[in-house]
C-alpha atoms as a PDB file:
ATOM      1  CA  UNK A   1      76.802 101.509 107.744  1.00  0.00           C
ATOM      2  CA  UNK A   2      76.166  97.958 106.645  1.00  0.00           C
ATOM      3  CA  UNK A   3      76.249  96.063 103.427  1.00  0.00           C
ATOM      4  CA  UNK A   4      74.141  97.730 100.695  1.00  0.00           C
ATOM      5  CA  UNK A   5      72.885 100.578 102.903  1.00  0.00           C
ATOM      6  CA  UNK A   6      73.822 103.209 100.330  1.00  0.00           C
ATOM      7  CA  UNK A   7      74.444 101.331  97.108  1.00  0.00           C
ATOM      8  CA  UNK A   8      71.949 103.041  94.789  1.00  0.00           C
ATOM      9  CA  UNK A   9      70.420 106.522  94.611  1.00  0.00           C
ATOM     10  CA  UNK A  10      67.130 107.167  96.327  1.00  0.00           C
ATOM     11  CA  UNK A  11      64.136 108.153  94.228  1.00  0.00           C
ATOM     12  CA  UNK A  12      64.266 111.697  95.605  1.00  0.00           C
ATOM     13  CA  UNK A  13      67.963 111.976  94.699  1.00  0.00           C
ATOM     14  CA  UNK A  14      67.297 110.788  91.155  1.00  0.00           C
ATOM     15  CA  UNK A  15      64.350 113.189  90.884  1.00  0.00           C
ATOM     16  CA  UNK A  16      66.715 115.956  92.016  1.00  0.00           C
ATOM     17  CA  UNK A  17      68.618 115.583  88.745  1.00  0.00           C
ATOM     18  CA  UNK A  18      65.643 117.238  87.060  1.00  0.00           C
ATOM     19  CA  UNK A  19      66.167 120.394  89.142  1.00  0.00           C
ATOM     20  CA  UNK A  20      69.741 120.955  87.951  1.00  0.00           C
ATOM     21  CA  UNK A  21      70.488 123.577  85.282  1.00  0.00           C
ATOM     22  CA  UNK A  22      69.843 121.848  81.971  1.00  0.00           C
ATOM     23  CA  UNK A  23      72.348 123.667  79.795  1.00  0.00           C
ATOM     24  CA  UNK A  24      75.659 123.013  81.577  1.00  0.00           C
ATOM     25  CA  UNK A  25      77.907 119.954  81.840  1.00  0.00           C
ATOM     26  CA  UNK A  26      78.036 118.003  85.074  1.00  0.00           C
ATOM     27  CA  UNK A  27      80.648 115.803  86.673  1.00  0.00           C
ATOM     28  CA  UNK A  28      79.639 112.812  88.777  1.00  0.00           C
ATOM     29  CA  UNK A  29      82.160 111.837  91.435  1.00  0.00           C
ATOM     30  CA  UNK A  30      81.715 108.253  92.542  1.00  0.00           C
ATOM     31  CA  UNK A  31      83.425 106.911  95.676  1.00  0.00           C
ATOM     32  CA  UNK A  32      83.133 103.183  96.282  1.00  0.00           C
ATOM     33  CA  UNK A  33      84.076 100.783  99.034  1.00  0.00           C
ATOM     34  CA  UNK A  34      84.553  97.335  97.597  1.00  0.00           C
ATOM     35  CA  UNK A  35      83.202  94.210  99.233  1.00  0.00           C
ATOM     36  CA  UNK A  36      86.011  92.736 101.273  1.00  0.00           C
ATOM     37  CA  UNK A  37      83.869  89.893 102.579  1.00  0.00           C
ATOM     38  CA  UNK A  38      84.228  88.001  99.271  1.00  0.00           C
ATOM     39  CA  UNK A  39      87.840  86.839  99.475  1.00  0.00           C
ATOM     40  CA  UNK A  40      87.392  84.416  96.570  1.00  0.00           C
ATOM     41  CA  UNK A  41      87.681  87.103  93.882  1.00  0.00           C
ATOM     42  CA  UNK A  42      83.950  87.364  93.085  1.00  0.00           C
ATOM     43  CA  UNK A  43      83.839  91.069  93.924  1.00  0.00           C
ATOM     44  CA  UNK A  44      86.793  91.879  91.656  1.00  0.00           C
ATOM     45  CA  UNK A  45      85.361  89.757  88.840  1.00  0.00           C
ATOM     46  CA  UNK A  46      81.958  91.431  89.154  1.00  0.00           C
ATOM     47  CA  UNK A  47      83.586  94.868  89.157  1.00  0.00           C
ATOM     48  CA  UNK A  48      85.506  94.058  85.986  1.00  0.00           C
ATOM     49  CA  UNK A  49      82.327  92.897  84.235  1.00  0.00           C
ATOM     50  CA  UNK A  50      80.432  95.964  85.448  1.00  0.00           C
ATOM     51  CA  UNK A  51      83.102  98.335  84.107  1.00  0.00           C
ATOM     52  CA  UNK A  52      83.291  96.472  80.791  1.00  0.00           C
ATOM     53  CA  UNK A  53      79.517  96.755  80.391  1.00  0.00           C
ATOM     54  CA  UNK A  54      78.846 100.246  81.674  1.00  0.00           C
ATOM     55  CA  UNK A  55      81.561 102.273  79.930  1.00  0.00           C
ATOM     56  CA  UNK A  56      80.415 101.567  76.346  1.00  0.00           C
ATOM     57  CA  UNK A  57      76.848 102.532  77.291  1.00  0.00           C
ATOM     58  CA  UNK A  58      78.147 105.733  78.882  1.00  0.00           C
ATOM     59  CA  UNK A  59      79.859 106.562  75.588  1.00  0.00           C
ATOM     60  CA  UNK A  60      76.654 105.983  73.633  1.00  0.00           C
ATOM     61  CA  UNK A  61      75.050 108.778  75.648  1.00  0.00           C
ATOM     62  CA  UNK A  62      77.908 111.202  75.112  1.00  0.00           C
ATOM     63  CA  UNK A  63      79.293 110.824  78.613  1.00  0.00           C
ATOM     64  CA  UNK A  64      82.820 109.783  79.396  1.00  0.00           C
ATOM     65  CA  UNK A  65      85.063 108.504  82.115  1.00  0.00           C
ATOM     66  CA  UNK A  66      87.381 111.330  83.177  1.00  0.00           C
ATOM     67  CA  UNK A  67      89.412 109.348  85.668  1.00  0.00           C
ATOM     68  CA  UNK A  68      89.146 106.179  87.718  1.00  0.00           C
ATOM     69  CA  UNK A  69      91.550 104.717  90.234  1.00  0.00           C
ATOM     70  CA  UNK A  70      92.214 102.884  93.459  1.00  0.00           C
ATOM     71  CA  UNK A  71      92.761 105.054  96.524  1.00  0.00           C
ATOM     72  CA  UNK A  72      96.455 104.976  97.431  1.00  0.00           C
ATOM     73  CA  UNK A  73      96.240 107.093 100.598  1.00  0.00           C
ATOM     74  CA  UNK A  74      93.562 108.934 102.552  1.00  0.00           C
ATOM     75  CA  UNK A  75      95.250 112.327 102.884  1.00  0.00           C
ATOM     76  CA  UNK A  76      92.329 113.930 104.769  1.00  0.00           C
ATOM     77  CA  UNK A  77      89.434 112.053 106.341  1.00  0.00           C
ATOM     78  CA  UNK A  78      88.982 108.499 107.591  1.00  0.00           C
ATOM     79  CA  UNK A  79      91.426 105.916 106.300  1.00  0.00           C
ATOM     80  CA  UNK A  80      90.046 102.942 104.382  1.00  0.00           C
ATOM     81  CA  UNK A  81      86.631 104.505 103.807  1.00  0.00           C
ATOM     82  CA  UNK A  82      86.838 104.383  99.981  1.00  0.00           C
ATOM     83  CA  UNK A  83      88.686 101.970  97.702  1.00  0.00           C
ATOM     84  CA  UNK A  84      87.905 103.303  94.211  1.00  0.00           C
ATOM     85  CA  UNK A  85      87.044 106.782  92.986  1.00  0.00           C
ATOM     86  CA  UNK A  86      85.818 107.729  89.550  1.00  0.00           C
ATOM     87  CA  UNK A  87      84.807 110.935  87.805  1.00  0.00           C
ATOM     88  CA  UNK A  88      82.315 110.833  84.935  1.00  0.00           C
ATOM     89  CA  UNK A  89      81.501 113.756  82.658  1.00  0.00           C
ATOM     90  CA  UNK A  90      78.040 114.283  81.144  1.00  0.00           C
ATOM     91  CA  UNK A  91      77.133 117.072  78.698  1.00  0.00           C
ATOM     92  CA  UNK A  92      74.101 117.939  80.852  1.00  0.00           C
ATOM     93  CA  UNK A  93      71.815 116.446  83.540  1.00  0.00           C
ATOM     94  CA  UNK A  94      69.314 115.176  80.947  1.00  0.00           C
ATOM     95  CA  UNK A  95      71.969 112.865  79.551  1.00  0.00           C
ATOM     96  CA  UNK A  96      72.688 111.512  83.047  1.00  0.00           C
ATOM     97  CA  UNK A  97      68.942 110.956  83.561  1.00  0.00           C
ATOM     98  CA  UNK A  98      68.608 109.037  80.288  1.00  0.00           C
ATOM     99  CA  UNK A  99      71.764 107.022  81.010  1.00  0.00           C
ATOM    100  CA  UNK A 100      70.564 106.027  84.494  1.00  0.00           C
ATOM    101  CA  UNK A 101      67.160 105.055  83.057  1.00  0.00           C
ATOM    102  CA  UNK A 102      68.635 102.757  80.404  1.00  0.00           C
ATOM    103  CA  UNK A 103      67.528  99.153  81.022  1.00  0.00           C
ATOM    104  CA  UNK A 104      71.054  97.913  80.320  1.00  0.00           C
ATOM    105  CA  UNK A 105      72.433 100.162  83.059  1.00  0.00           C
ATOM    106  CA  UNK A 106      69.742  99.008  85.461  1.00  0.00           C
ATOM    107  CA  UNK A 107      70.558  95.371  84.654  1.00  0.00           C
ATOM    108  CA  UNK A 108      74.273  95.983  85.293  1.00  0.00           C
ATOM    109  CA  UNK A 109      73.507  97.206  88.820  1.00  0.00           C
ATOM    110  CA  UNK A 110      73.411  93.569  89.975  1.00  0.00           C
ATOM    111  CA  UNK A 111      77.113  93.286  89.158  1.00  0.00           C
ATOM    112  CA  UNK A 112      77.827  96.481  91.078  1.00  0.00           C
ATOM    113  CA  UNK A 113      75.895  95.108  94.064  1.00  0.00           C
ATOM    114  CA  UNK A 114      78.149  92.034  94.018  1.00  0.00           C
ATOM    115  CA  UNK A 115      81.308  94.157  93.874  1.00  0.00           C
ATOM    116  CA  UNK A 116      80.592  97.163  96.062  1.00  0.00           C
ATOM    117  CA  UNK A 117      79.698  97.495  99.735  1.00  0.00           C
ATOM    118  CA  UNK A 118      79.029 101.233  99.835  1.00  0.00           C
ATOM    119  CA  UNK A 119      78.848 104.106  97.343  1.00  0.00           C
ATOM    120  CA  UNK A 120      78.834 107.873  97.667  1.00  0.00           C
ATOM    121  CA  UNK A 121      78.074 109.814  94.483  1.00  0.00           C
ATOM    122  CA  UNK A 122      78.153 113.578  94.132  1.00  0.00           C
ATOM    123  CA  UNK A 123      77.049 115.664  91.168  1.00  0.00           C
ATOM    124  CA  UNK A 124      79.044 118.806  90.447  1.00  0.00           C
ATOM    125  CA  UNK A 125      77.678 121.391  88.067  1.00  0.00           C
ATOM    126  CA  UNK A 126      79.831 123.763  86.081  1.00  0.00           C
ATOM    127  CA  UNK A 127      80.954 126.995  87.709  1.00  0.00           C
ATOM    128  CA  UNK A 128      82.052 129.050  84.764  1.00  0.00           C
ATOM    129  CA  UNK A 129      83.396 126.655  82.173  1.00  0.00           C
ATOM    130  CA  UNK A 130      85.646 124.456  84.279  1.00  0.00           C
ATOM    131  CA  UNK A 131      83.759 121.230  83.452  1.00  0.00           C
ATOM    132  CA  UNK A 132      83.322 121.838  79.738  1.00  0.00           C
ATOM    133  CA  UNK A 133      86.549 120.134  78.723  1.00  0.00           C
END
């Protein structure tokens, strides 16, 4: 996989949000591999600006960051595949859809492109109240 192959969701993936149950919370797991080709600190600076910009917007929509951290050890699976993992809670898929459609979020994607080489995002839906915290 090369630079920017999987950095943003495809149209069909985004459209798939509409098929999720509308009345249950969801959790988005985001796994990112940072750009290591920018040794001058540009990737880290862009990531910091992206986080500073995106988290307040997330809060405006009623979503929240559950956890975010650097990978310390790949316990199972390929080593060094992901650098940062985050989990983001949304009250329902409609909120995620509106958040992703916000022009400010779309504008911030340029910063993420500068910081991140590859992204894998998974949407989990609630299985009996476990995501409603």
